[in-house]
Protein backbone atom coordinates (compact mmCIF):
# COMPACT_ATOMS: atom_id res chain seq x y z
CA MET A 1 -0.10 -0.02 -0.08
CA LYS A 2 1.71 3.03 -0.60
CA GLN A 3 2.14 6.08 1.65
CA ARG A 4 -0.52 8.74 1.57
CA ARG A 5 0.58 11.75 2.48
CA ILE A 6 -0.13 15.54 2.28
CA ASP A 7 3.16 18.07 3.36
CA ILE A 8 2.64 21.83 3.00
CA ALA A 9 5.91 24.00 2.20
CA ARG A 10 5.89 27.37 1.18
CA ALA A 11 7.14 28.29 -2.67
CA TYR A 12 10.24 30.08 -1.25
CA ASP A 13 11.55 27.35 0.47
CA GLU A 14 14.13 24.93 -1.29
CA PRO A 15 12.51 21.61 -3.03
CA GLY A 16 14.04 18.77 -0.86
CA PRO A 17 15.17 16.09 -3.15
CA ASP A 18 11.63 14.27 -1.92
CA GLY A 19 10.32 13.42 -5.00
CA ARG A 20 6.88 13.68 -3.94
CA ILE A 21 4.01 15.40 -6.50
CA ARG A 22 4.14 19.04 -6.25
CA PHE A 23 1.03 21.73 -6.23
CA LEU A 24 0.89 25.16 -5.57
CA VAL A 25 -2.68 26.36 -4.40
CA ASP A 26 -2.05 29.93 -4.02
CA ARG A 27 -4.64 31.85 -6.47
CA MET A 28 -1.63 34.65 -6.98
CA TRP A 29 2.04 33.05 -8.42
CA PRO A 30 4.62 34.13 -5.93
CA ARG A 31 6.27 36.98 -7.03
CA GLY A 32 10.14 36.37 -8.06
CA VAL A 33 9.86 32.22 -8.55
CA SER A 34 9.91 30.49 -11.76
CA LYS A 35 8.03 27.80 -12.62
CA ALA A 36 10.98 25.90 -13.67
CA SER A 37 12.04 26.47 -9.31
CA LEU A 38 8.83 25.32 -8.42
CA GLY A 39 9.10 21.68 -10.09
CA ILE A 40 4.95 21.42 -9.89
CA GLU A 41 2.82 19.17 -10.97
CA ALA A 42 0.31 21.97 -11.44
CA TRP A 43 -1.06 25.16 -10.03
CA LEU A 44 -4.77 24.51 -8.67
CA ARG A 45 -5.76 28.34 -8.35
CA ASP A 46 -9.37 27.49 -8.12
CA VAL A 47 -8.69 25.10 -4.59
CA ALA A 48 -7.20 28.29 -3.28
CA PRO A 49 -9.60 31.04 -0.84
CA SER A 50 -11.68 33.49 -3.05
CA THR A 51 -10.30 36.68 -3.39
CA GLU A 52 -13.44 37.82 -1.32
CA LEU A 53 -12.52 35.14 1.35
CA ARG A 54 -8.25 36.23 0.40
CA ARG A 55 -8.67 39.89 1.23
CA TRP A 56 -11.14 39.44 3.91
CA PHE A 57 -8.39 36.88 6.25
CA GLY A 58 -5.68 39.24 5.12
CA HIS A 59 -3.77 36.76 6.85
CA ASP A 60 -5.45 38.20 10.90
CA PRO A 61 -4.88 35.52 13.39
CA ALA A 62 -7.90 37.19 14.89
CA ARG A 63 -9.85 36.02 12.18
CA TRP A 64 -7.99 32.60 11.95
CA GLU A 65 -11.10 30.32 13.16
CA GLU A 66 -13.46 32.28 11.23
CA PHE A 67 -11.19 31.76 8.05
CA GLN A 68 -10.81 28.35 8.40
CA ALA A 69 -14.94 27.81 8.66
CA ARG A 70 -15.23 29.91 5.53
CA TYR A 71 -12.53 28.32 3.03
CA ARG A 72 -13.85 24.74 4.38
CA ALA A 73 -17.37 25.90 2.84
CA GLU A 74 -15.99 26.90 -0.29
CA LEU A 75 -14.22 23.33 -0.46
CA ASP A 76 -17.21 22.18 -0.05
CA ALA A 77 -18.90 23.55 -2.99
CA ASN A 78 -16.36 23.46 -4.97
CA PRO A 79 -15.13 19.54 -5.21
CA ALA A 80 -13.91 19.53 -8.52
CA SER A 81 -10.95 21.88 -7.30
CA TRP A 82 -9.56 19.65 -4.74
CA GLN A 83 -10.57 16.10 -6.71
CA PRO A 84 -6.70 16.07 -8.13
CA LEU A 85 -5.21 16.57 -4.77
CA LEU A 86 -6.90 13.43 -3.29
CA GLU A 87 -6.14 11.59 -6.56
CA ALA A 88 -2.65 12.16 -6.57
CA ALA A 89 -2.38 12.06 -2.60
CA GLU A 90 -3.97 8.56 -3.28
CA ARG A 91 -1.36 7.74 -5.58
CA GLY A 92 1.76 9.16 -3.43
CA PRO A 93 2.81 11.34 -1.09
CA VAL A 94 2.44 15.22 -2.36
CA THR A 95 3.15 18.78 -1.15
CA LEU A 96 1.26 21.71 -0.96
CA LEU A 97 3.29 25.32 -2.01
CA PHE A 98 1.76 28.44 -0.84
CA GLY A 99 3.35 31.76 -1.27
CA ALA A 100 1.79 33.21 2.15
CA ARG A 101 4.95 34.38 4.97
CA ASP A 102 3.22 33.32 8.02
CA ARG A 103 3.44 28.91 8.26
CA GLU A 104 0.80 29.17 10.91
CA HIS A 105 -2.16 30.94 9.08
CA ASN A 106 -2.51 30.04 5.93
CA GLN A 107 -4.92 28.26 3.45
CA ALA A 108 -2.44 24.87 3.17
CA ILE A 109 -2.69 24.49 6.44
CA VAL A 110 -6.63 23.58 6.09
CA LEU A 111 -6.02 22.24 2.78
CA GLN A 112 -3.78 19.96 4.09
CA ALA A 113 -6.54 18.83 6.86
CA TYR A 114 -9.32 19.21 4.88
CA LEU A 115 -7.92 16.77 2.10
CA ALA A 116 -5.91 14.35 4.96
CA HIS A 117 -10.13 13.89 6.40
CA LYS A 118 -11.44 13.38 2.92
CA LEU A 119 -8.16 10.50 2.53
CA LYS A 120 -9.47 9.03 5.73
CA HIS A 121 -12.87 8.59 4.70
CA HIS A 122 -12.08 7.50 1.08
């Protein structure tokens, strides 16, 4: 049985030689980063929070709990956006890349937990 594992990493971090399938899960491309340096399978911008939700959140830790709930609701309403990630995770380990500076309050954390729950019940 293949390992089902979903990790997250900042798009600006050096990729490790781990052979994981990597996906960019941000609505906007990270500044100053080339496509070649990311080594991604795909850029899944539609899985990222809506522009309205992203602007409302503004990476404000005080809004973190509400952001998570709103983002999960967006994910529930758009399964086609995250289905490729679930399928890739079923085949092997994946890494979700995000551009935010805040490593503790970003959409990749929410998406990682959301997909782990789907994998467990899939």
